[in-house]
All heavy atoms as atom14 arrays in JSON, in Angstrom:
{
  "sequence": "DQREKDKVIVTQYQKWIRVPFYRVQDDKNEITEMDAKEFNKMK",
  "atom14_mask": [
    [1, 1, 1, 1, 1, 1, 1, 1, 0, 0, 0, 0, 0, 0],
    [1, 1, 1, 1, 1, 1, 1, 1, 1, 0, 0, 0, 0, 0],
    [1, 1, 1, 1, 1, 1, 1, 1, 1, 1, 1, 0, 0, 0],
    [1, 1, 1, 1, 1, 1, 1, 1, 1, 0, 0, 0, 0, 0],
    [1, 1, 1, 1, 1, 1, 1, 1, 1, 0, 0, 0, 0, 0],
    [1, 1, 1, 1, 1, 1, 1, 1, 0, 0, 0, 0, 0, 0],
    [1, 1, 1, 1, 1, 1, 1, 1, 1, 0, 0, 0, 0, 0],
    [1, 1, 1, 1, 1, 1, 1, 0, 0, 0, 0, 0, 0, 0],
    [1, 1, 1, 1, 1, 1, 1, 1, 0, 0, 0, 0, 0, 0],
    [1, 1, 1, 1, 1, 1, 1, 0, 0, 0, 0, 0, 0, 0],
    [1, 1, 1, 1, 1, 1, 1, 0, 0, 0, 0, 0, 0, 0],
    [1, 1, 1, 1, 1, 1, 1, 1, 1, 0, 0, 0, 0, 0],
    [1, 1, 1, 1, 1, 1, 1, 1, 1, 1, 1, 1, 0, 0],
    [1, 1, 1, 1, 1, 1, 1, 1, 1, 0, 0, 0, 0, 0],
    [1, 1, 1, 1, 1, 1, 1, 1, 1, 0, 0, 0, 0, 0],
    [1, 1, 1, 1, 1, 1, 1, 1, 1, 1, 1, 1, 1, 1],
    [1, 1, 1, 1, 1, 1, 1, 1, 0, 0, 0, 0, 0, 0],
    [1, 1, 1, 1, 1, 1, 1, 1, 1, 1, 1, 0, 0, 0],
    [1, 1, 1, 1, 1, 1, 1, 0, 0, 0, 0, 0, 0, 0],
    [1, 1, 1, 1, 1, 1, 1, 0, 0, 0, 0, 0, 0, 0],
    [1, 1, 1, 1, 1, 1, 1, 1, 1, 1, 1, 0, 0, 0],
    [1, 1, 1, 1, 1, 1, 1, 1, 1, 1, 1, 1, 0, 0],
    [1, 1, 1, 1, 1, 1, 1, 1, 1, 1, 1, 0, 0, 0],
    [1, 1, 1, 1, 1, 1, 1, 0, 0, 0, 0, 0, 0, 0],
    [1, 1, 1, 1, 1, 1, 1, 1, 1, 0, 0, 0, 0, 0],
    [1, 1, 1, 1, 1, 1, 1, 1, 0, 0, 0, 0, 0, 0],
    [1, 1, 1, 1, 1, 1, 1, 1, 0, 0, 0, 0, 0, 0],
    [1, 1, 1, 1, 1, 1, 1, 1, 1, 0, 0, 0, 0, 0],
    [1, 1, 1, 1, 1, 1, 1, 1, 0, 0, 0, 0, 0, 0],
    [1, 1, 1, 1, 1, 1, 1, 1, 1, 0, 0, 0, 0, 0],
    [1, 1, 1, 1, 1, 1, 1, 1, 0, 0, 0, 0, 0, 0],
    [1, 1, 1, 1, 1, 1, 1, 0, 0, 0, 0, 0, 0, 0],
    [1, 1, 1, 1, 1, 1, 1, 1, 1, 0, 0, 0, 0, 0],
    [1, 1, 1, 1, 1, 1, 1, 1, 0, 0, 0, 0, 0, 0],
    [1, 1, 1, 1, 1, 1, 1, 1, 0, 0, 0, 0, 0, 0],
    [1, 1, 1, 1, 1, 0, 0, 0, 0, 0, 0, 0, 0, 0],
    [1, 1, 1, 1, 1, 1, 1, 1, 1, 0, 0, 0, 0, 0],
    [1, 1, 1, 1, 1, 1, 1, 1, 1, 0, 0, 0, 0, 0],
    [1, 1, 1, 1, 1, 1, 1, 1, 1, 1, 1, 0, 0, 0],
    [1, 1, 1, 1, 1, 1, 1, 1, 0, 0, 0, 0, 0, 0],
    [1, 1, 1, 1, 1, 1, 1, 1, 1, 0, 0, 0, 0, 0],
    [1, 1, 1, 1, 1, 1, 1, 1, 0, 0, 0, 0, 0, 0],
    [1, 1, 1, 1, 1, 1, 1, 1, 1, 0, 0, 0, 0, 0]
  ],
  "atom14_positions": [
    [[-2.79, 24.68, -25.18], [-2.27, 25.05, -23.87], [-1.35, 26.27, -23.91], [-1.18, 26.96, -22.92], [-1.53, 23.87, -23.26], [-2.46, 22.72, -22.94], [-3.49, 22.98, -22.31], [-2.16, 21.59, -23.32], [0.0, 0.0, 0.0], [0.0, 0.0, 0.0], [0.0, 0.0, 0.0], [0.0, 0.0, 0.0], [0.0, 0.0, 0.0], [0.0, 0.0, 0.0]],
    [[-0.71, 26.52, -25.07], [0.19, 27.66, -25.2], [1.22, 27.68, -24.07], [1.42, 28.68, -23.37], [-0.61, 28.97, -25.22], [-1.56, 29.1, -26.41], [-0.82, 29.16, -27.72], [0.21, 29.81, -27.83], [-1.3, 28.47, -28.73], [0.0, 0.0, 0.0], [0.0, 0.0, 0.0], [0.0, 0.0, 0.0], [0.0, 0.0, 0.0], [0.0, 0.0, 0.0]],
    [[1.85, 26.54, -23.86], [2.84, 26.46, -22.79], [4.07, 27.3, -23.14], [4.51, 27.35, -24.29], [3.29, 25.0, -22.59], [2.17, 24.01, -22.43], [1.46, 24.16, -21.12], [0.53, 23.08, -20.91], [-0.34, 23.02, -19.92], [-0.41, 23.99, -19.06], [-1.14, 21.99, -19.79], [0.0, 0.0, 0.0], [0.0, 0.0, 0.0], [0.0, 0.0, 0.0]],
    [[4.6, 27.95, -22.14], [5.83, 28.7, -22.37], [7.01, 27.73, -22.38], [6.99, 26.69, -21.75], [6.0, 29.74, -21.26], [4.89, 30.77, -21.23], [5.1, 31.77, -20.12], [6.23, 31.85, -19.61], [4.14, 32.46, -19.76], [0.0, 0.0, 0.0], [0.0, 0.0, 0.0], [0.0, 0.0, 0.0], [0.0, 0.0, 0.0], [0.0, 0.0, 0.0]],
    [[8.05, 28.12, -23.09], [9.16, 27.2, -23.31], [9.97, 26.92, -22.05], [10.69, 25.94, -22.0], [10.08, 27.75, -24.4], [9.43, 27.76, -25.78], [10.42, 28.2, -26.83], [9.79, 28.12, -28.22], [10.73, 28.54, -29.28], [0.0, 0.0, 0.0], [0.0, 0.0, 0.0], [0.0, 0.0, 0.0], [0.0, 0.0, 0.0], [0.0, 0.0, 0.0]],
    [[9.87, 27.78, -21.06], [10.66, 27.55, -19.84], [9.85, 26.86, -18.76], [10.18, 26.94, -17.58], [11.22, 28.88, -19.32], [10.11, 29.82, -18.87], [8.97, 29.64, -19.34], [10.39, 30.73, -18.06], [0.0, 0.0, 0.0], [0.0, 0.0, 0.0], [0.0, 0.0, 0.0], [0.0, 0.0, 0.0], [0.0, 0.0, 0.0], [0.0, 0.0, 0.0]],
    [[8.77, 26.19, -19.15], [7.89, 25.56, -18.17], [8.02, 24.03, -18.22], [8.35, 23.46, -19.26], [6.43, 25.94, -18.42], [6.15, 27.44, -18.37], [6.4, 28.02, -16.99], [6.04, 29.49, -16.94], [6.31, 30.09, -15.62], [0.0, 0.0, 0.0], [0.0, 0.0, 0.0], [0.0, 0.0, 0.0], [0.0, 0.0, 0.0], [0.0, 0.0, 0.0]],
    [[7.77, 23.42, -17.09], [7.76, 21.97, -16.97], [6.42, 21.56, -16.36], [6.0, 22.12, -15.35], [8.91, 21.45, -16.09], [8.88, 19.92, -16.01], [10.25, 21.92, -16.6], [0.0, 0.0, 0.0], [0.0, 0.0, 0.0], [0.0, 0.0, 0.0], [0.0, 0.0, 0.0], [0.0, 0.0, 0.0], [0.0, 0.0, 0.0], [0.0, 0.0, 0.0]],
    [[5.75, 20.59, -16.97], [4.49, 20.09, -16.46], [4.76, 18.86, -15.6], [5.32, 17.88, -16.09], [3.52, 19.74, -17.59], [3.26, 20.97, -18.45], [2.21, 19.19, -17.05], [2.42, 20.69, -19.67], [0.0, 0.0, 0.0], [0.0, 0.0, 0.0], [0.0, 0.0, 0.0], [0.0, 0.0, 0.0], [0.0, 0.0, 0.0], [0.0, 0.0, 0.0]],
    [[4.36, 18.92, -14.34], [4.54, 17.8, -13.42], [3.15, 17.24, -13.08], [2.25, 17.99, -12.68], [5.26, 18.24, -12.13], [5.34, 17.07, -11.14], [6.64, 18.77, -12.45], [0.0, 0.0, 0.0], [0.0, 0.0, 0.0], [0.0, 0.0, 0.0], [0.0, 0.0, 0.0], [0.0, 0.0, 0.0], [0.0, 0.0, 0.0], [0.0, 0.0, 0.0]],
    [[2.99, 15.96, -13.28], [1.72, 15.29, -12.98], [1.8, 14.64, -11.62], [2.67, 13.81, -11.37], [1.41, 14.23, -14.05], [1.32, 14.85, -15.34], [0.08, 13.54, -13.74], [0.0, 0.0, 0.0], [0.0, 0.0, 0.0], [0.0, 0.0, 0.0], [0.0, 0.0, 0.0], [0.0, 0.0, 0.0], [0.0, 0.0, 0.0], [0.0, 0.0, 0.0]],
    [[0.9, 15.04, -10.75], [0.75, 14.42, -9.43], [-0.42, 13.43, -9.54], [-1.56, 13.83, -9.74], [0.46, 15.47, -8.37], [0.27, 14.91, -6.97], [-0.09, 16.01, -5.97], [-0.18, 17.18, -6.32], [-0.29, 15.62, -4.73], [0.0, 0.0, 0.0], [0.0, 0.0, 0.0], [0.0, 0.0, 0.0], [0.0, 0.0, 0.0], [0.0, 0.0, 0.0]],
    [[-0.12, 12.15, -9.43], [-1.09, 11.09, -9.7], [-1.32, 10.28, -8.43], [-0.36, 9.78, -7.84], [-0.57, 10.2, -10.82], [-1.5, 9.1, -11.28], [-2.5, 9.35, -12.21], [-1.37, 7.8, -10.79], [-3.35, 8.34, -12.64], [-2.22, 6.79, -11.22], [-3.19, 7.06, -12.14], [-4.03, 6.05, -12.58], [0.0, 0.0, 0.0], [0.0, 0.0, 0.0]],
    [[-2.57, 10.19, -8.02], [-2.91, 9.41, -6.83], [-3.95, 8.35, -7.19], [-4.87, 8.63, -7.96], [-3.48, 10.33, -5.73], [-2.5, 11.37, -5.23], [-3.08, 12.26, -4.15], [-4.27, 12.26, -3.89], [-2.21, 13.04, -3.5], [0.0, 0.0, 0.0], [0.0, 0.0, 0.0], [0.0, 0.0, 0.0], [0.0, 0.0, 0.0], [0.0, 0.0, 0.0]],
    [[-3.78, 7.16, -6.65], [-4.7, 6.06, -6.94], [-4.76, 5.15, -5.72], [-3.93, 5.25, -4.8], [-4.25, 5.27, -8.16], [-2.96, 4.47, -7.93], [-2.68, 3.54, -9.08], [-1.45, 2.67, -8.8], [-1.22, 1.67, -9.86], [0.0, 0.0, 0.0], [0.0, 0.0, 0.0], [0.0, 0.0, 0.0], [0.0, 0.0, 0.0], [0.0, 0.0, 0.0]],
    [[-5.74, 4.27, -5.71], [-5.77, 3.24, -4.68], [-5.73, 1.86, -5.35], [-6.2, 1.69, -6.47], [-6.98, 3.36, -3.76], [-8.34, 3.3, -4.42], [-9.12, 4.34, -4.79], [-9.07, 2.12, -4.77], [-10.29, 3.9, -5.35], [-10.3, 2.53, -5.35], [-8.82, 0.75, -4.65], [-11.26, 1.63, -5.81], [-9.78, -0.15, -5.11], [-10.98, 0.29, -5.68]],
    [[-5.15, 0.92, -4.63], [-5.06, -0.46, -5.09], [-5.56, -1.37, -3.98], [-5.56, -1.0, -2.8], [-3.62, -0.85, -5.48], [-2.67, -0.67, -4.3], [-3.14, -0.07, -6.69], [-1.26, -1.1, -4.58], [0.0, 0.0, 0.0], [0.0, 0.0, 0.0], [0.0, 0.0, 0.0], [0.0, 0.0, 0.0], [0.0, 0.0, 0.0], [0.0, 0.0, 0.0]],
    [[-6.01, -2.53, -4.35], [-6.45, -3.54, -3.37], [-5.26, -4.43, -3.0], [-4.65, -5.03, -3.88], [-7.6, -4.38, -3.93], [-8.89, -3.59, -4.14], [-10.01, -4.51, -4.6], [-11.28, -3.8, -4.7], [-11.73, -3.21, -5.82], [-10.98, -3.27, -6.92], [-12.88, -2.6, -5.83], [0.0, 0.0, 0.0], [0.0, 0.0, 0.0], [0.0, 0.0, 0.0]],
    [[-4.98, -4.51, -1.74], [-3.83, -5.28, -1.26], [-4.31, -6.3, -0.22], [-5.0, -5.93, 0.73], [-2.78, -4.35, -0.62], [-1.64, -5.16, -0.02], [-2.25, -3.37, -1.65], [0.0, 0.0, 0.0], [0.0, 0.0, 0.0], [0.0, 0.0, 0.0], [0.0, 0.0, 0.0], [0.0, 0.0, 0.0], [0.0, 0.0, 0.0], [0.0, 0.0, 0.0]],
    [[-3.97, -7.57, -0.4], [-4.36, -8.58, 0.59], [-3.49, -8.47, 1.84], [-2.32, -8.13, 1.79], [-4.11, -9.9, -0.14], [-3.07, -9.58, -1.16], [-3.28, -8.16, -1.56], [0.0, 0.0, 0.0], [0.0, 0.0, 0.0], [0.0, 0.0, 0.0], [0.0, 0.0, 0.0], [0.0, 0.0, 0.0], [0.0, 0.0, 0.0], [0.0, 0.0, 0.0]],
    [[-4.1, -8.77, 2.98], [-3.35, -8.83, 4.24], [-4.03, -9.87, 5.14], [-5.12, -10.37, 4.83], [-3.3, -7.46, 4.92], [-4.61, -7.02, 5.51], [-4.83, -7.1, 6.88], [-5.64, -6.54, 4.71], [-6.04, -6.7, 7.44], [-6.84, -6.14, 5.26], [-7.05, -6.22, 6.62], [0.0, 0.0, 0.0], [0.0, 0.0, 0.0], [0.0, 0.0, 0.0]],
    [[-3.37, -10.22, 6.21], [-3.87, -11.26, 7.11], [-4.03, -10.69, 8.52], [-3.21, -9.89, 8.99], [-2.91, -12.45, 7.15], [-2.89, -13.23, 5.85], [-2.11, -12.81, 4.78], [-3.65, -14.39, 5.71], [-2.09, -13.52, 3.59], [-3.63, -15.1, 4.53], [-2.85, -14.66, 3.47], [-2.84, -15.38, 2.3], [0.0, 0.0, 0.0], [0.0, 0.0, 0.0]],
    [[-5.09, -11.12, 9.19], [-5.3, -10.8, 10.6], [-5.17, -12.1, 11.38], [-5.87, -13.08, 11.1], [-6.67, -10.17, 10.8], [-6.84, -8.86, 10.05], [-8.26, -8.33, 10.2], [-8.52, -7.89, 11.57], [-9.73, -7.67, 12.05], [-10.8, -7.91, 11.29], [-9.89, -7.27, 13.3], [0.0, 0.0, 0.0], [0.0, 0.0, 0.0], [0.0, 0.0, 0.0]],
    [[-4.26, -12.09, 12.32], [-3.94, -13.3, 13.08], [-4.31, -13.07, 14.55], [-3.95, -12.05, 15.15], [-2.44, -13.66, 12.97], [-2.14, -14.92, 13.75], [-2.05, -13.8, 11.5], [0.0, 0.0, 0.0], [0.0, 0.0, 0.0], [0.0, 0.0, 0.0], [0.0, 0.0, 0.0], [0.0, 0.0, 0.0], [0.0, 0.0, 0.0], [0.0, 0.0, 0.0]],
    [[-5.04, -14.06, 15.1], [-5.44, -14.01, 16.51], [-4.65, -15.05, 17.3], [-4.69, -16.24, 16.99], [-6.94, -14.26, 16.65], [-7.44, -14.15, 18.08], [-8.89, -14.55, 18.2], [-9.32, -15.49, 17.54], [-9.64, -13.87, 19.05], [0.0, 0.0, 0.0], [0.0, 0.0, 0.0], [0.0, 0.0, 0.0], [0.0, 0.0, 0.0], [0.0, 0.0, 0.0]],
    [[-3.92, -14.59, 18.32], [-3.12, -15.53, 19.11], [-3.94, -16.1, 20.26], [-5.15, -15.85, 20.37], [-1.84, -14.85, 19.63], [-2.15, -13.64, 20.51], [-3.27, -13.56, 21.04], [-1.26, -12.79, 20.66], [0.0, 0.0, 0.0], [0.0, 0.0, 0.0], [0.0, 0.0, 0.0], [0.0, 0.0, 0.0], [0.0, 0.0, 0.0], [0.0, 0.0, 0.0]],
    [[-3.27, -16.89, 21.12], [-3.99, -17.55, 22.22], [-4.44, -16.58, 23.31], [-5.21, -16.94, 24.19], [-3.13, -18.66, 22.82], [-1.75, -18.15, 23.21], [-1.49, -16.93, 23.0], [-0.94, -18.94, 23.69], [0.0, 0.0, 0.0], [0.0, 0.0, 0.0], [0.0, 0.0, 0.0], [0.0, 0.0, 0.0], [0.0, 0.0, 0.0], [0.0, 0.0, 0.0]],
    [[-3.98, -15.32, 23.26], [-4.42, -14.3, 24.21], [-5.5, -13.4, 23.62], [-5.82, -12.36, 24.18], [-3.23, -13.45, 24.65], [-2.16, -14.23, 25.41], [-1.03, -13.31, 25.83], [0.05, -14.08, 26.58], [1.16, -13.18, 26.98], [0.0, 0.0, 0.0], [0.0, 0.0, 0.0], [0.0, 0.0, 0.0], [0.0, 0.0, 0.0], [0.0, 0.0, 0.0]],
    [[-6.02, -13.82, 22.48], [-7.07, -13.06, 21.78], [-6.58, -11.72, 21.24], [-7.39, -10.84, 20.91], [-8.3, -12.83, 22.67], [-9.04, -14.12, 22.95], [-9.02, -15.04, 22.14], [-9.67, -14.2, 24.12], [0.0, 0.0, 0.0], [0.0, 0.0, 0.0], [0.0, 0.0, 0.0], [0.0, 0.0, 0.0], [0.0, 0.0, 0.0], [0.0, 0.0, 0.0]],
    [[-5.28, -11.52, 21.15], [-4.74, -10.31, 20.54], [-4.66, -10.5, 19.03], [-4.27, -11.58, 18.55], [-3.37, -9.99, 21.11], [-3.39, -9.58, 22.57], [-2.02, -9.19, 23.07], [-1.04, -9.39, 22.3], [-1.92, -8.67, 24.2], [0.0, 0.0, 0.0], [0.0, 0.0, 0.0], [0.0, 0.0, 0.0], [0.0, 0.0, 0.0], [0.0, 0.0, 0.0]],
    [[-4.99, -9.47, 18.3], [-5.04, -9.55, 16.83], [-3.88, -8.76, 16.25], [-3.65, -7.6, 16.61], [-6.38, -9.01, 16.3], [-7.53, -9.86, 16.83], [-6.39, -9.0, 14.78], [-8.89, -9.36, 16.45], [0.0, 0.0, 0.0], [0.0, 0.0, 0.0], [0.0, 0.0, 0.0], [0.0, 0.0, 0.0], [0.0, 0.0, 0.0], [0.0, 0.0, 0.0]],
    [[-3.14, -9.4, 15.36], [-2.01, -8.78, 14.67], [-2.25, -8.8, 13.17], [-2.71, -9.8, 12.62], [-0.7, -9.53, 14.99], [-0.52, -9.58, 16.41], [0.49, -8.85, 14.34], [0.0, 0.0, 0.0], [0.0, 0.0, 0.0], [0.0, 0.0, 0.0], [0.0, 0.0, 0.0], [0.0, 0.0, 0.0], [0.0, 0.0, 0.0], [0.0, 0.0, 0.0]],
    [[-1.93, -7.68, 12.51], [-2.07, -7.6, 11.06], [-0.72, -7.85, 10.41], [0.31, -7.34, 10.87], [-2.61, -6.24, 10.64], [-4.05, -5.99, 11.09], [-4.6, -4.69, 10.55], [-3.87, -3.99, 9.8], [-5.76, -4.34, 10.88], [0.0, 0.0, 0.0], [0.0, 0.0, 0.0], [0.0, 0.0, 0.0], [0.0, 0.0, 0.0], [0.0, 0.0, 0.0]],
    [[-0.72, -8.62, 9.32], [0.5, -8.93, 8.58], [0.23, -8.8, 7.08], [-0.85, -9.15, 6.62], [0.97, -10.37, 8.85], [1.3, -10.68, 10.29], [1.87, -12.41, 10.44], [2.2, -12.47, 12.2], [0.0, 0.0, 0.0], [0.0, 0.0, 0.0], [0.0, 0.0, 0.0], [0.0, 0.0, 0.0], [0.0, 0.0, 0.0], [0.0, 0.0, 0.0]],
    [[1.24, -8.31, 6.34], [1.11, -8.33, 4.89], [1.38, -9.75, 4.39], [1.76, -10.64, 5.16], [2.03, -7.31, 4.24], [3.5, -7.55, 4.55], [3.89, -8.72, 4.73], [4.26, -6.58, 4.61], [0.0, 0.0, 0.0], [0.0, 0.0, 0.0], [0.0, 0.0, 0.0], [0.0, 0.0, 0.0], [0.0, 0.0, 0.0], [0.0, 0.0, 0.0]],
    [[1.18, -9.97, 3.09], [1.25, -11.32, 2.54], [2.66, -11.91, 2.69], [2.82, -13.09, 3.03], [0.83, -11.3, 1.07], [0.0, 0.0, 0.0], [0.0, 0.0, 0.0], [0.0, 0.0, 0.0], [0.0, 0.0, 0.0], [0.0, 0.0, 0.0], [0.0, 0.0, 0.0], [0.0, 0.0, 0.0], [0.0, 0.0, 0.0], [0.0, 0.0, 0.0]],
    [[3.69, -11.11, 2.44], [5.05, -11.62, 2.53], [5.41, -12.03, 3.96], [6.0, -13.09, 4.2], [6.03, -10.56, 2.02], [5.93, -10.3, 0.53], [6.84, -9.17, 0.11], [8.3, -9.53, 0.32], [9.2, -8.46, -0.18], [0.0, 0.0, 0.0], [0.0, 0.0, 0.0], [0.0, 0.0, 0.0], [0.0, 0.0, 0.0], [0.0, 0.0, 0.0]],
    [[5.03, -11.16, 4.9], [5.32, -11.47, 6.3], [4.55, -12.7, 6.75], [5.09, -13.55, 7.47], [4.95, -10.26, 7.17], [5.31, -10.42, 8.63], [4.92, -9.21, 9.46], [4.26, -8.3, 8.9], [5.26, -9.18, 10.65], [0.0, 0.0, 0.0], [0.0, 0.0, 0.0], [0.0, 0.0, 0.0], [0.0, 0.0, 0.0], [0.0, 0.0, 0.0]],
    [[3.29, -12.82, 6.3], [2.48, -13.96, 6.72], [3.05, -15.27, 6.17], [3.09, -16.29, 6.86], [1.04, -13.78, 6.25], [0.15, -14.96, 6.54], [-0.39, -15.14, 7.8], [-0.11, -15.92, 5.56], [-1.2, -16.23, 8.08], [-0.91, -17.01, 5.84], [-1.46, -17.16, 7.1], [0.0, 0.0, 0.0], [0.0, 0.0, 0.0], [0.0, 0.0, 0.0]],
    [[3.49, -15.26, 4.92], [4.03, -16.47, 4.31], [5.28, -16.97, 5.04], [5.53, -18.18, 5.14], [4.33, -16.23, 2.84], [3.07, -16.17, 1.99], [2.09, -16.85, 2.28], [3.09, -15.33, 0.97], [0.0, 0.0, 0.0], [0.0, 0.0, 0.0], [0.0, 0.0, 0.0], [0.0, 0.0, 0.0], [0.0, 0.0, 0.0], [0.0, 0.0, 0.0]],
    [[6.06, -16.03, 5.59], [7.25, -16.42, 6.35], [6.87, -17.03, 7.7], [7.57, -17.9, 8.22], [8.15, -15.2, 6.56], [8.75, -14.65, 5.28], [9.58, -13.4, 5.59], [10.18, -12.83, 4.31], [10.95, -11.58, 4.58], [0.0, 0.0, 0.0], [0.0, 0.0, 0.0], [0.0, 0.0, 0.0], [0.0, 0.0, 0.0], [0.0, 0.0, 0.0]],
    [[5.76, -16.56, 8.25], [5.36, -16.98, 9.59], [4.26, -18.04, 9.58], [3.83, -18.5, 10.64], [4.84, -15.76, 10.37], [5.85, -14.65, 10.53], [7.08, -15.02, 11.79], [6.07, -15.1, 13.26], [0.0, 0.0, 0.0], [0.0, 0.0, 0.0], [0.0, 0.0, 0.0], [0.0, 0.0, 0.0], [0.0, 0.0, 0.0], [0.0, 0.0, 0.0]],
    [[3.82, -18.46, 8.41], [2.63, -19.31, 8.32], [2.81, -20.63, 9.07], [1.9, -21.08, 9.79], [2.28, -19.56, 6.87], [0.96, -20.32, 6.69], [0.6, -20.47, 5.23], [-0.7, -21.22, 5.08], [-1.09, -21.41, 3.67], [0.0, 0.0, 0.0], [0.0, 0.0, 0.0], [0.0, 0.0, 0.0], [0.0, 0.0, 0.0], [0.0, 0.0, 0.0]]
  ]
}
């Protein structure tokens, strides 16, 4: 690479992960999305 001594290499790293979530339908047929922590509190 022959990097110069006054240089800094910065790595920009992007990835995707699978995250569970819940879709809740109320008595008015409205759908609300909740993450796992929020759903467990409201379960």
